[in-house]
PDB file of all heavy atoms in Angstrom:
ATOM      1  N   ARG A   1     104.982  96.673 107.101  1.00  0.00           N
ATOM      2  CA  ARG A   1     104.182  95.697 106.363  1.00  0.00           C
ATOM      3  C   ARG A   1     104.820  95.398 104.996  1.00  0.00           C
ATOM      4  O   ARG A   1     105.212  96.324 104.288  1.00  0.00           O
ATOM      5  CB  ARG A   1     102.749  96.202 106.181  1.00  0.00           C
ATOM      6  CG  ARG A   1     102.061  96.451 107.521  1.00  0.00           C
ATOM      7  CD  ARG A   1     100.616  96.817 107.365  1.00  0.00           C
ATOM      8  NE  ARG A   1      99.830  95.642 107.028  1.00  0.00           N
ATOM      9  CZ  ARG A   1      98.510  95.646 106.864  1.00  0.00           C
ATOM     10  NH1 ARG A   1      97.837  96.788 106.998  1.00  0.00           N
ATOM     11  NH2 ARG A   1      97.856  94.565 106.559  1.00  0.00           N
ATOM     12  N   PRO A   2     104.935  94.110 104.675  1.00  0.00           N
ATOM     13  CA  PRO A   2     105.576  93.753 103.391  1.00  0.00           C
ATOM     14  C   PRO A   2     104.740  94.194 102.193  1.00  0.00           C
ATOM     15  O   PRO A   2     103.523  94.316 102.271  1.00  0.00           O
ATOM     16  CB  PRO A   2     105.659  92.210 103.467  1.00  0.00           C
ATOM     17  CG  PRO A   2     104.592  91.812 104.436  1.00  0.00           C
ATOM     18  CD  PRO A   2     104.497  92.957 105.432  1.00  0.00           C
ATOM     19  N   ASP A   3     105.422  94.464 101.095  1.00  0.00           N
ATOM     20  CA  ASP A   3     104.794  94.867  99.829  1.00  0.00           C
ATOM     21  C   ASP A   3     104.006  96.137  99.992  1.00  0.00           C
ATOM     22  O   ASP A   3     102.997  96.382  99.269  1.00  0.00           O
ATOM     23  CB  ASP A   3     103.875  93.765  99.288  1.00  0.00           C
ATOM     24  CG  ASP A   3     104.601  92.450  99.080  1.00  0.00           C
ATOM     25  OD1 ASP A   3     105.746  92.492  98.566  1.00  0.00           O
ATOM     26  OD2 ASP A   3     104.077  91.387  99.453  1.00  0.00           O
ATOM     27  N   SER A   4     104.430  96.998 100.890  1.00  0.00           N
ATOM     28  CA  SER A   4     103.746  98.276 101.121  1.00  0.00           C
ATOM     29  C   SER A   4     104.507  99.394 100.414  1.00  0.00           C
ATOM     30  O   SER A   4     105.658  99.232 100.016  1.00  0.00           O
ATOM     31  CB  SER A   4     103.683  98.573 102.609  1.00  0.00           C
ATOM     32  OG  SER A   4     104.994  98.714 103.168  1.00  0.00           O
ATOM     33  N   ALA A   5     103.827 100.560 100.303  1.00  0.00           N
ATOM     34  CA  ALA A   5     104.507 101.720  99.732  1.00  0.00           C
ATOM     35  C   ALA A   5     105.710 102.110 100.594  1.00  0.00           C
ATOM     36  O   ALA A   5     106.726 102.560 100.071  1.00  0.00           O
ATOM     37  CB  ALA A   5     103.514 102.869  99.632  1.00  0.00           C
ATOM     38  N   PHE A   6     105.609 101.906 101.897  1.00  0.00           N
ATOM     39  CA  PHE A   6     106.720 102.273 102.758  1.00  0.00           C
ATOM     40  C   PHE A   6     107.903 101.333 102.599  1.00  0.00           C
ATOM     41  O   PHE A   6     109.056 101.751 102.773  1.00  0.00           O
ATOM     42  CB  PHE A   6     106.284 102.329 104.233  1.00  0.00           C
ATOM     43  CG  PHE A   6     106.970 103.426 104.985  1.00  0.00           C
ATOM     44  CD1 PHE A   6     106.408 104.686 105.083  1.00  0.00           C
ATOM     45  CD2 PHE A   6     108.228 103.223 105.550  1.00  0.00           C
ATOM     46  CE1 PHE A   6     107.056 105.715 105.758  1.00  0.00           C
ATOM     47  CE2 PHE A   6     108.878 104.222 106.224  1.00  0.00           C
ATOM     48  CZ  PHE A   6     108.308 105.491 106.319  1.00  0.00           C
ATOM     49  N   GLU A   7     107.635 100.088 102.249  1.00  0.00           N
ATOM     50  CA  GLU A   7     108.780  99.181 101.933  1.00  0.00           C
ATOM     51  C   GLU A   7     109.514  99.691 100.711  1.00  0.00           C
ATOM     52  O   GLU A   7     110.737  99.750 100.684  1.00  0.00           O
ATOM     53  CB  GLU A   7     108.302  97.741 101.706  1.00  0.00           C
ATOM     54  CG  GLU A   7     109.472  96.810 101.385  1.00  0.00           C
ATOM     55  CD  GLU A   7     109.047  95.364 101.181  1.00  0.00           C
ATOM     56  OE1 GLU A   7     107.837  95.078 101.080  1.00  0.00           O
ATOM     57  OE2 GLU A   7     109.952  94.492 101.145  1.00  0.00           O
ATOM     58  N   SER A   8     108.765 100.081  99.689  1.00  0.00           N
ATOM     59  CA  SER A   8     109.403 100.624  98.469  1.00  0.00           C
ATOM     60  C   SER A   8     110.185 101.889  98.788  1.00  0.00           C
ATOM     61  O   SER A   8     111.314 102.089  98.294  1.00  0.00           O
ATOM     62  CB  SER A   8     108.352 100.937  97.400  1.00  0.00           C
ATOM     63  OG  SER A   8     107.631  99.778  97.062  1.00  0.00           O
ATOM     64  N   PHE A   9     109.595 102.737  99.624  1.00  0.00           N
ATOM     65  CA  PHE A   9     110.271 103.979 100.020  1.00  0.00           C
ATOM     66  C   PHE A   9     111.562 103.667 100.771  1.00  0.00           C
ATOM     67  O   PHE A   9     112.606 104.267 100.505  1.00  0.00           O
ATOM     68  CB  PHE A   9     109.326 104.813 100.899  1.00  0.00           C
ATOM     69  CG  PHE A   9     109.942 106.081 101.430  1.00  0.00           C
ATOM     70  CD1 PHE A   9     110.013 107.202 100.643  1.00  0.00           C
ATOM     71  CD2 PHE A   9     110.432 106.126 102.722  1.00  0.00           C
ATOM     72  CE1 PHE A   9     110.595 108.379 101.140  1.00  0.00           C
ATOM     73  CE2 PHE A   9     110.990 107.297 103.229  1.00  0.00           C
ATOM     74  CZ  PHE A   9     111.075 108.418 102.414  1.00  0.00           C
ATOM     75  N   SER A  10     111.483 102.728 101.719  1.00  0.00           N
ATOM     76  CA  SER A  10     112.677 102.354 102.496  1.00  0.00           C
ATOM     77  C   SER A  10     113.769 101.780 101.595  1.00  0.00           C
ATOM     78  O   SER A  10     114.961 102.097 101.747  1.00  0.00           O
ATOM     79  CB  SER A  10     112.305 101.348 103.586  1.00  0.00           C
ATOM     80  OG  SER A  10     111.349 101.885 104.457  1.00  0.00           O
ATOM     81  N   ASN A  11     113.363 100.933 100.662  1.00  0.00           N
ATOM     82  CA  ASN A  11     114.347 100.346  99.739  1.00  0.00           C
ATOM     83  C   ASN A  11     114.995 101.427  98.868  1.00  0.00           C
ATOM     84  O   ASN A  11     116.202 101.356  98.583  1.00  0.00           O
ATOM     85  CB  ASN A  11     113.675  99.317  98.870  1.00  0.00           C
ATOM     86  CG  ASN A  11     113.252  98.073  99.633  1.00  0.00           C
ATOM     87  OD1 ASN A  11     113.787  97.798 100.710  1.00  0.00           O
ATOM     88  ND2 ASN A  11     112.288  97.318  99.119  1.00  0.00           N
ATOM     89  N   SER A  12     114.221 102.429  98.475  1.00  0.00           N
ATOM     90  CA  SER A  12     114.795 103.495  97.646  1.00  0.00           C
ATOM     91  C   SER A  12     115.830 104.309  98.416  1.00  0.00           C
ATOM     92  O   SER A  12     116.726 104.924  97.808  1.00  0.00           O
ATOM     93  CB  SER A  12     113.671 104.424  97.130  1.00  0.00           C
ATOM     94  OG  SER A  12     113.166 105.242  98.171  1.00  0.00           O
ATOM     95  N   ARG A  13     115.717 104.323  99.747  1.00  0.00           N
ATOM     96  CA  ARG A  13     116.674 105.033 100.577  1.00  0.00           C
ATOM     97  C   ARG A  13     117.780 104.121 101.100  1.00  0.00           C
ATOM     98  O   ARG A  13     118.634 104.550 101.858  1.00  0.00           O
ATOM     99  CB  ARG A  13     115.944 105.687 101.777  1.00  0.00           C
ATOM    100  CG  ARG A  13     114.882 106.715 101.439  1.00  0.00           C
ATOM    101  CD  ARG A  13     115.459 107.866 100.603  1.00  0.00           C
ATOM    102  NE  ARG A  13     114.531 108.982 100.503  1.00  0.00           N
ATOM    103  CZ  ARG A  13     113.557 109.104  99.580  1.00  0.00           C
ATOM    104  NH1 ARG A  13     113.363 108.115  98.739  1.00  0.00           N
ATOM    105  NH2 ARG A  13     112.793 110.172  99.552  1.00  0.00           N
ATOM    106  N   ARG A  14     117.682 102.832 100.743  1.00  0.00           N
ATOM    107  CA  ARG A  14     118.646 101.819 101.185  1.00  0.00           C
ATOM    108  C   ARG A  14     118.637 101.661 102.715  1.00  0.00           C
ATOM    109  O   ARG A  14     119.688 101.478 103.327  1.00  0.00           O
ATOM    110  CB  ARG A  14     120.057 102.132 100.666  1.00  0.00           C
ATOM    111  CG  ARG A  14     120.149 102.115  99.154  1.00  0.00           C
ATOM    112  CD  ARG A  14     121.552 102.297  98.643  1.00  0.00           C
ATOM    113  NE  ARG A  14     121.612 102.230  97.204  1.00  0.00           N
ATOM    114  CZ  ARG A  14     122.731 102.373  96.477  1.00  0.00           C
ATOM    115  NH1 ARG A  14     123.875 102.618  97.103  1.00  0.00           N
ATOM    116  NH2 ARG A  14     122.701 102.272  95.175  1.00  0.00           N
ATOM    117  N   TRP A  15     117.459 101.770 103.276  1.00  0.00           N
ATOM    118  CA  TRP A  15     117.291 101.504 104.692  1.00  0.00           C
ATOM    119  C   TRP A  15     116.951 100.037 104.881  1.00  0.00           C
ATOM    120  O   TRP A  15     116.217  99.446 104.089  1.00  0.00           O
ATOM    121  CB  TRP A  15     116.163 102.365 105.279  1.00  0.00           C
ATOM    122  CG  TRP A  15     116.432 103.841 105.216  1.00  0.00           C
ATOM    123  CD1 TRP A  15     117.638 104.457 105.126  1.00  0.00           C
ATOM    124  CD2 TRP A  15     115.460 104.886 105.226  1.00  0.00           C
ATOM    125  NE1 TRP A  15     117.481 105.822 105.086  1.00  0.00           N
ATOM    126  CE2 TRP A  15     116.172 106.110 105.172  1.00  0.00           C
ATOM    127  CE3 TRP A  15     114.059 104.903 105.340  1.00  0.00           C
ATOM    128  CZ2 TRP A  15     115.507 107.356 105.182  1.00  0.00           C
ATOM    129  CZ3 TRP A  15     113.424 106.126 105.349  1.00  0.00           C
ATOM    130  CH2 TRP A  15     114.127 107.346 105.266  1.00  0.00           C
ATOM    131  N   ASP A  16     117.450  99.442 105.955  1.00  0.00           N
ATOM    132  CA  ASP A  16     117.151  98.043 106.235  1.00  0.00           C
ATOM    133  C   ASP A  16     115.662  97.906 106.550  1.00  0.00           C
ATOM    134  O   ASP A  16     115.118  98.623 107.407  1.00  0.00           O
ATOM    135  CB  ASP A  16     117.960  97.574 107.451  1.00  0.00           C
ATOM    136  CG  ASP A  16     119.463  97.532 107.159  1.00  0.00           C
ATOM    137  OD1 ASP A  16     119.811  97.545 105.956  1.00  0.00           O
ATOM    138  OD2 ASP A  16     120.251  97.482 108.098  1.00  0.00           O
ATOM    139  N   PHE A  17     114.987  97.013 105.850  1.00  0.00           N
ATOM    140  CA  PHE A  17     113.554  96.810 106.024  1.00  0.00           C
ATOM    141  C   PHE A  17     113.283  95.363 106.435  1.00  0.00           C
ATOM    142  O   PHE A  17     113.764  94.426 105.799  1.00  0.00           O
ATOM    143  CB  PHE A  17     112.812  97.126 104.724  1.00  0.00           C
ATOM    144  CG  PHE A  17     111.301  97.088 104.867  1.00  0.00           C
ATOM    145  CD1 PHE A  17     110.594  98.238 105.200  1.00  0.00           C
ATOM    146  CD2 PHE A  17     110.589  95.892 104.682  1.00  0.00           C
ATOM    147  CE1 PHE A  17     109.212  98.209 105.355  1.00  0.00           C
ATOM    148  CE2 PHE A  17     109.208  95.881 104.841  1.00  0.00           C
ATOM    149  CZ  PHE A  17     108.526  97.041 105.163  1.00  0.00           C
ATOM    150  N   TYR A  18     112.506  95.204 107.495  1.00  0.00           N
ATOM    151  CA  TYR A  18     112.180  93.876 108.015  1.00  0.00           C
ATOM    152  C   TYR A  18     110.659  93.715 107.985  1.00  0.00           C
ATOM    153  O   TYR A  18     109.918  94.435 108.659  1.00  0.00           O
ATOM    154  CB  TYR A  18     112.696  93.749 109.458  1.00  0.00           C
ATOM    155  CG  TYR A  18     114.186  93.926 109.530  1.00  0.00           C
ATOM    156  CD1 TYR A  18     114.730  95.194 109.745  1.00  0.00           C
ATOM    157  CD2 TYR A  18     115.061  92.853 109.327  1.00  0.00           C
ATOM    158  CE1 TYR A  18     116.105  95.374 109.783  1.00  0.00           C
ATOM    159  CE2 TYR A  18     116.420  93.026 109.348  1.00  0.00           C
ATOM    160  CZ  TYR A  18     116.941  94.300 109.590  1.00  0.00           C
ATOM    161  OH  TYR A  18     118.306  94.466 109.616  1.00  0.00           O
ATOM    162  N   PRO A  19     110.167  92.769 107.141  1.00  0.00           N
ATOM    163  CA  PRO A  19     108.721  92.615 106.991  1.00  0.00           C
ATOM    164  C   PRO A  19     108.053  92.158 108.294  1.00  0.00           C
ATOM    165  O   PRO A  19     108.527  91.241 108.960  1.00  0.00           O
ATOM    166  CB  PRO A  19     108.583  91.556 105.880  1.00  0.00           C
ATOM    167  CG  PRO A  19     109.901  90.874 105.852  1.00  0.00           C
ATOM    168  CD  PRO A  19     110.921  91.844 106.322  1.00  0.00           C
ATOM    169  N   LEU A  20     106.948  92.848 108.630  1.00  0.00           N
ATOM    170  CA  LEU A  20     106.182  92.550 109.824  1.00  0.00           C
ATOM    171  C   LEU A  20     104.709  92.699 109.429  1.00  0.00           C
ATOM    172  O   LEU A  20     104.236  93.823 109.218  1.00  0.00           O
ATOM    173  CB  LEU A  20     106.561  93.526 110.934  1.00  0.00           C
ATOM    174  CG  LEU A  20     106.373  93.094 112.387  1.00  0.00           C
ATOM    175  CD1 LEU A  20     107.238  91.897 112.722  1.00  0.00           C
ATOM    176  CD2 LEU A  20     106.667  94.262 113.313  1.00  0.00           C
ATOM    177  N   LYS A  21     103.996  91.596 109.268  1.00  0.00           N
ATOM    178  CA  LYS A  21     102.671  91.671 108.654  1.00  0.00           C
ATOM    179  C   LYS A  21     101.671  92.502 109.437  1.00  0.00           C
ATOM    180  O   LYS A  21     100.852  93.182 108.861  1.00  0.00           O
ATOM    181  CB  LYS A  21     102.127  90.235 108.478  1.00  0.00           C
ATOM    182  CG  LYS A  21     102.869  89.472 107.345  1.00  0.00           C
ATOM    183  CD  LYS A  21     102.235  88.127 107.089  1.00  0.00           C
ATOM    184  CE  LYS A  21     102.949  87.403 105.935  1.00  0.00           C
ATOM    185  NZ  LYS A  21     102.338  86.071 105.683  1.00  0.00           N
ATOM    186  N   MET A  22     101.708  92.432 110.752  1.00  0.00           N
ATOM    187  CA  MET A  22     100.810  93.258 111.604  1.00  0.00           C
ATOM    188  C   MET A  22      99.378  93.237 111.067  1.00  0.00           C
ATOM    189  O   MET A  22      98.806  94.263 110.748  1.00  0.00           O
ATOM    190  CB  MET A  22     101.331  94.680 111.713  1.00  0.00           C
ATOM    191  CG  MET A  22     102.647  94.805 112.406  1.00  0.00           C
ATOM    192  SD  MET A  22     103.156  96.521 112.777  1.00  0.00           S
ATOM    193  CE  MET A  22     103.578  97.109 111.155  1.00  0.00           C
ATOM    194  N   LYS A  23      98.790  92.041 110.982  1.00  0.00           N
ATOM    195  CA  LYS A  23      97.441  91.906 110.433  1.00  0.00           C
ATOM    196  C   LYS A  23      96.417  92.691 111.257  1.00  0.00           C
ATOM    197  O   LYS A  23      95.436  93.179 110.744  1.00  0.00           O
ATOM    198  CB  LYS A  23      97.052  90.430 110.378  1.00  0.00           C
ATOM    199  CG  LYS A  23      97.879  89.629 109.383  1.00  0.00           C
ATOM    200  CD  LYS A  23      97.464  88.167 109.382  1.00  0.00           C
ATOM    201  CE  LYS A  23      98.281  87.368 108.365  1.00  0.00           C
ATOM    202  NZ  LYS A  23      97.914  85.930 108.384  1.00  0.00           N
ATOM    203  N   ASN A  24      96.671  92.769 112.553  1.00  0.00           N
ATOM    204  CA  ASN A  24      95.830  93.551 113.454  1.00  0.00           C
ATOM    205  C   ASN A  24      96.633  93.815 114.722  1.00  0.00           C
ATOM    206  O   ASN A  24      97.824  93.461 114.795  1.00  0.00           O
ATOM    207  CB  ASN A  24      94.512  92.824 113.755  1.00  0.00           C
ATOM    208  CG  ASN A  24      94.746  91.373 114.191  1.00  0.00           C
ATOM    209  OD1 ASN A  24      95.560  91.107 115.042  1.00  0.00           O
ATOM    210  ND2 ASN A  24      94.034  90.461 113.552  1.00  0.00           N
ATOM    211  N   SER A  25      95.998  94.425 115.721  1.00  0.00           N
ATOM    212  CA  SER A  25      96.722  94.805 116.951  1.00  0.00           C
ATOM    213  C   SER A  25      97.015  93.633 117.857  1.00  0.00           C
ATOM    214  O   SER A  25      97.747  93.752 118.833  1.00  0.00           O
ATOM    215  CB  SER A  25      95.915  95.838 117.738  1.00  0.00           C
ATOM    216  OG  SER A  25      95.803  97.033 116.989  1.00  0.00           O
ATOM    217  N   ILE A  26      96.412  92.463 117.557  1.00  0.00           N
ATOM    218  CA  ILE A  26      96.674  91.260 118.389  1.00  0.00           C
ATOM    219  C   ILE A  26      97.288  90.139 117.531  1.00  0.00           C
ATOM    220  O   ILE A  26      96.983  88.973 117.720  1.00  0.00           O
ATOM    221  CB  ILE A  26      95.375  90.807 119.088  1.00  0.00           C
ATOM    222  CG1 ILE A  26      94.241  90.604 118.065  1.00  0.00           C
ATOM    223  CG2 ILE A  26      94.966  91.779 120.157  1.00  0.00           C
ATOM    224  CD1 ILE A  26      93.002  89.959 118.683  1.00  0.00           C
ATOM    225  N   ASP A  27      98.193  90.523 116.656  1.00  0.00           N
ATOM    226  CA  ASP A  27      98.882  89.562 115.801  1.00  0.00           C
ATOM    227  C   ASP A  27     100.084  89.037 116.591  1.00  0.00           C
ATOM    228  O   ASP A  27     101.160  89.617 116.588  1.00  0.00           O
ATOM    229  CB  ASP A  27      99.332  90.258 114.498  1.00  0.00           C
ATOM    230  CG  ASP A  27      99.973  89.305 113.507  1.00  0.00           C
ATOM    231  OD1 ASP A  27     100.391  88.181 113.920  1.00  0.00           O
ATOM    232  OD2 ASP A  27     100.069  89.646 112.327  1.00  0.00           O
ATOM    233  N   PHE A  28      99.900  87.889 117.262  1.00  0.00           N
ATOM    234  CA  PHE A  28     100.950  87.350 118.129  1.00  0.00           C
ATOM    235  C   PHE A  28     102.169  86.906 117.327  1.00  0.00           C
ATOM    236  O   PHE A  28     103.304  86.981 117.812  1.00  0.00           O
ATOM    237  CB  PHE A  28     100.396  86.161 118.946  1.00  0.00           C
ATOM    238  CG  PHE A  28      99.542  86.598 120.092  1.00  0.00           C
ATOM    239  CD1 PHE A  28      98.174  86.756 119.948  1.00  0.00           C
ATOM    240  CD2 PHE A  28     100.116  86.843 121.326  1.00  0.00           C
ATOM    241  CE1 PHE A  28      97.358  87.165 121.013  1.00  0.00           C
ATOM    242  CE2 PHE A  28      99.328  87.257 122.383  1.00  0.00           C
ATOM    243  CZ  PHE A  28      97.948  87.418 122.232  1.00  0.00           C
ATOM    244  N   ARG A  29     101.958  86.449 116.105  1.00  0.00           N
ATOM    245  CA  ARG A  29     103.092  86.020 115.284  1.00  0.00           C
ATOM    246  C   ARG A  29     104.006  87.225 114.981  1.00  0.00           C
ATOM    247  O   ARG A  29     105.227  87.125 115.080  1.00  0.00           O
ATOM    248  CB  ARG A  29     102.600  85.397 113.978  1.00  0.00           C
ATOM    249  CG  ARG A  29     103.734  84.913 113.076  1.00  0.00           C
ATOM    250  CD  ARG A  29     103.197  84.093 111.900  1.00  0.00           C
ATOM    251  NE  ARG A  29     102.612  82.846 112.364  1.00  0.00           N
ATOM    252  CZ  ARG A  29     102.107  81.911 111.528  1.00  0.00           C
ATOM    253  NH1 ARG A  29     102.115  82.140 110.231  1.00  0.00           N
ATOM    254  NH2 ARG A  29     101.605  80.799 112.016  1.00  0.00           N
ATOM    255  N   SER A  30     103.408  88.361 114.644  1.00  0.00           N
ATOM    256  CA  SER A  30     104.216  89.562 114.382  1.00  0.00           C
ATOM    257  C   SER A  30     104.891  90.045 115.661  1.00  0.00           C
ATOM    258  O   SER A  30     106.040  90.515 115.653  1.00  0.00           O
ATOM    259  CB  SER A  30     103.345  90.675 113.808  1.00  0.00           C
ATOM    260  OG  SER A  30     102.896  90.370 112.498  1.00  0.00           O
ATOM    261  N   ALA A  31     104.197  89.920 116.795  1.00  0.00           N
ATOM    262  CA  ALA A  31     104.791  90.315 118.063  1.00  0.00           C
ATOM    263  C   ALA A  31     106.006  89.458 118.394  1.00  0.00           C
ATOM    264  O   ALA A  31     107.045  89.961 118.860  1.00  0.00           O
ATOM    265  CB  ALA A  31     103.749  90.227 119.183  1.00  0.00           C
ATOM    266  N   GLY A  32     105.896  88.133 118.130  1.00  0.00           N
ATOM    267  CA  GLY A  32     107.035  87.257 118.354  1.00  0.00           C
ATOM    268  C   GLY A  32     108.194  87.579 117.432  1.00  0.00           C
ATOM    269  O   GLY A  32     109.376  87.548 117.846  1.00  0.00           O
ATOM    270  N   ARG A  33     107.867  87.885 116.180  1.00  0.00           N
ATOM    271  CA  ARG A  33     108.931  88.260 115.246  1.00  0.00           C
ATOM    272  C   ARG A  33     109.606  89.573 115.683  1.00  0.00           C
ATOM    273  O   ARG A  33     110.833  89.708 115.567  1.00  0.00           O
ATOM    274  CB  ARG A  33     108.370  88.420 113.832  1.00  0.00           C
ATOM    275  CG  ARG A  33     109.395  88.947 112.812  1.00  0.00           C
ATOM    276  CD  ARG A  33     108.998  88.636 111.398  1.00  0.00           C
ATOM    277  NE  ARG A  33     109.781  89.401 110.441  1.00  0.00           N
ATOM    278  CZ  ARG A  33     111.066  89.155 110.131  1.00  0.00           C
ATOM    279  NH1 ARG A  33     111.717  88.185 110.761  1.00  0.00           N
ATOM    280  NH2 ARG A  33     111.683  89.898 109.246  1.00  0.00           N
ATOM    281  N   LEU A  34     108.828  90.535 116.183  1.00  0.00           N
ATOM    282  CA  LEU A  34     109.407  91.777 116.642  1.00  0.00           C
ATOM    283  C   LEU A  34     110.359  91.527 117.820  1.00  0.00           C
ATOM    284  O   LEU A  34     111.451  92.106 117.889  1.00  0.00           O
ATOM    285  CB  LEU A  34     108.297  92.751 117.080  1.00  0.00           C
ATOM    286  CG  LEU A  34     108.761  94.096 117.656  1.00  0.00           C
ATOM    287  CD1 LEU A  34     109.591  94.887 116.629  1.00  0.00           C
ATOM    288  CD2 LEU A  34     107.585  94.929 118.124  1.00  0.00           C
ATOM    289  N   LYS A  35     109.953  90.666 118.747  1.00  0.00           N
ATOM    290  CA  LYS A  35     110.820  90.305 119.869  1.00  0.00           C
ATOM    291  C   LYS A  35     112.143  89.727 119.364  1.00  0.00           C
ATOM    292  O   LYS A  35     113.223  90.112 119.827  1.00  0.00           O
ATOM    293  CB  LYS A  35     110.110  89.309 120.773  1.00  0.00           C
ATOM    294  CG  LYS A  35     110.973  88.816 121.949  1.00  0.00           C
ATOM    295  CD  LYS A  35     110.274  87.726 122.736  1.00  0.00           C
ATOM    296  CE  LYS A  35     111.203  87.161 123.816  1.00  0.00           C
ATOM    297  NZ  LYS A  35     110.587  86.018 124.556  1.00  0.00           N
ATOM    298  N   ASN A  36     112.055  88.810 118.400  1.00  0.00           N
ATOM    299  CA  ASN A  36     113.267  88.198 117.855  1.00  0.00           C
ATOM    300  C   ASN A  36     114.159  89.208 117.137  1.00  0.00           C
ATOM    301  O   ASN A  36     115.386  89.189 117.247  1.00  0.00           O
ATOM    302  CB  ASN A  36     112.910  87.037 116.928  1.00  0.00           C
ATOM    303  CG  ASN A  36     112.269  85.874 117.643  1.00  0.00           C
ATOM    304  OD1 ASN A  36     112.515  85.684 118.838  1.00  0.00           O
ATOM    305  ND2 ASN A  36     111.463  85.099 116.948  1.00  0.00           N
ATOM    306  N   LEU A  37     113.524  90.131 116.392  1.00  0.00           N
ATOM    307  CA  LEU A  37     114.296  91.158 115.672  1.00  0.00           C
ATOM    308  C   LEU A  37     115.041  92.034 116.659  1.00  0.00           C
ATOM    309  O   LEU A  37     116.217  92.383 116.455  1.00  0.00           O
ATOM    310  CB  LEU A  37     113.353  92.006 114.828  1.00  0.00           C
ATOM    311  CG  LEU A  37     112.869  91.409 113.495  1.00  0.00           C
ATOM    312  CD1 LEU A  37     111.802  92.337 112.877  1.00  0.00           C
ATOM    313  CD2 LEU A  37     114.034  91.241 112.528  1.00  0.00           C
ATOM    314  N   CYS A  38     114.381  92.422 117.736  1.00  0.00           N
ATOM    315  CA  CYS A  38     114.993  93.289 118.741  1.00  0.00           C
ATOM    316  C   CYS A  38     116.247  92.607 119.360  1.00  0.00           C
ATOM    317  O   CYS A  38     117.249  93.264 119.614  1.00  0.00           O
ATOM    318  CB  CYS A  38     114.024  93.647 119.820  1.00  0.00           C
ATOM    319  SG  CYS A  38     112.763  94.826 119.288  1.00  0.00           S
ATOM    320  N   LYS A  39     116.127  91.276 119.573  1.00  0.00           N
ATOM    321  CA  LYS A  39     117.242  90.539 120.163  1.00  0.00           C
ATOM    322  C   LYS A  39     118.380  90.368 119.126  1.00  0.00           C
ATOM    323  O   LYS A  39     119.543  90.664 119.425  1.00  0.00           O
ATOM    324  CB  LYS A  39     116.775  89.167 120.631  1.00  0.00           C
ATOM    325  CG  LYS A  39     117.848  88.341 121.331  1.00  0.00           C
ATOM    326  CD  LYS A  39     117.281  87.021 121.850  1.00  0.00           C
ATOM    327  CE  LYS A  39     118.374  86.203 122.538  1.00  0.00           C
ATOM    328  NZ  LYS A  39     117.844  84.910 123.060  1.00  0.00           N
ATOM    329  N   GLN A  40     118.023  89.942 117.930  1.00  0.00           N
ATOM    330  CA  GLN A  40     119.045  89.703 116.903  1.00  0.00           C
ATOM    331  C   GLN A  40     119.776  90.956 116.496  1.00  0.00           C
ATOM    332  O   GLN A  40     121.014  90.955 116.275  1.00  0.00           O
ATOM    333  CB  GLN A  40     118.375  89.058 115.676  1.00  0.00           C
ATOM    334  CG  GLN A  40     117.817  87.673 115.897  1.00  0.00           C
ATOM    335  CD  GLN A  40     116.890  87.227 114.786  1.00  0.00           C
ATOM    336  OE1 GLN A  40     116.772  87.883 113.749  1.00  0.00           O
ATOM    337  NE2 GLN A  40     116.184  86.120 115.023  1.00  0.00           N
ATOM    338  N   LEU A  41     119.048  92.067 116.372  1.00  0.00           N
ATOM    339  CA  LEU A  41     119.635  93.315 115.864  1.00  0.00           C
ATOM    340  C   LEU A  41     120.090  94.232 116.986  1.00  0.00           C
ATOM    341  O   LEU A  41     120.596  95.340 116.728  1.00  0.00           O
ATOM    342  CB  LEU A  41     118.597  94.038 114.990  1.00  0.00           C
ATOM    343  CG  LEU A  41     118.082  93.260 113.793  1.00  0.00           C
ATOM    344  CD1 LEU A  41     116.906  94.005 113.131  1.00  0.00           C
ATOM    345  CD2 LEU A  41     119.171  93.020 112.762  1.00  0.00           C
ATOM    346  N   GLU A  42     119.899  93.817 118.220  1.00  0.00           N
ATOM    347  CA  GLU A  42     120.291  94.592 119.417  1.00  0.00           C
ATOM    348  C   GLU A  42     119.658  95.999 119.358  1.00  0.00           C
ATOM    349  O   GLU A  42     120.318  97.030 119.516  1.00  0.00           O
ATOM    350  CB  GLU A  42     121.817  94.692 119.528  1.00  0.00           C
ATOM    351  CG  GLU A  42     122.489  93.326 119.705  1.00  0.00           C
ATOM    352  CD  GLU A  42     123.985  93.420 119.838  1.00  0.00           C
ATOM    353  OE1 GLU A  42     124.567  94.436 119.361  1.00  0.00           O
ATOM    354  OE2 GLU A  42     124.575  92.524 120.417  1.00  0.00           O
ATOM    355  N   ILE A  43     118.339  95.992 119.156  1.00  0.00           N
ATOM    356  CA  ILE A  43     117.596  97.245 119.078  1.00  0.00           C
ATOM    357  C   ILE A  43     117.518  97.922 120.449  1.00  0.00           C
ATOM    358  O   ILE A  43     117.233  97.261 121.444  1.00  0.00           O
ATOM    359  CB  ILE A  43     116.176  96.985 118.514  1.00  0.00           C
ATOM    360  CG1 ILE A  43     116.244  96.373 117.105  1.00  0.00           C
ATOM    361  CG2 ILE A  43     115.342  98.266 118.498  1.00  0.00           C
ATOM    362  CD1 ILE A  43     116.889  97.248 116.053  1.00  0.00           C
ATOM    363  N   ASP A  44     117.751  99.223 120.484  1.00  0.00           N
ATOM    364  CA  ASP A  44     117.682  99.974 121.729  1.00  0.00           C
ATOM    365  C   ASP A  44     116.300 100.552 121.968  1.00  0.00           C
ATOM    366  O   ASP A  44     115.830 100.629 123.119  1.00  0.00           O
ATOM    367  CB  ASP A  44     118.693 101.125 121.718  1.00  0.00           C
ATOM    368  CG  ASP A  44     120.125 100.632 121.680  1.00  0.00           C
ATOM    369  OD1 ASP A  44     120.522  99.915 122.621  1.00  0.00           O
ATOM    370  OD2 ASP A  44     120.858 100.950 120.721  1.00  0.00           O
TER     371      ASP A  44
END
């Protein structure tokens, strides 16, 4: 989730962070973004 404590933590460790709003468990926009991220970044 963007602007979260975990984003700050990830940035402090220089880990790649990709914002995913995940407003709820049926957030189709976030699900579509996750699908695109997996394809673009070749996530295993």
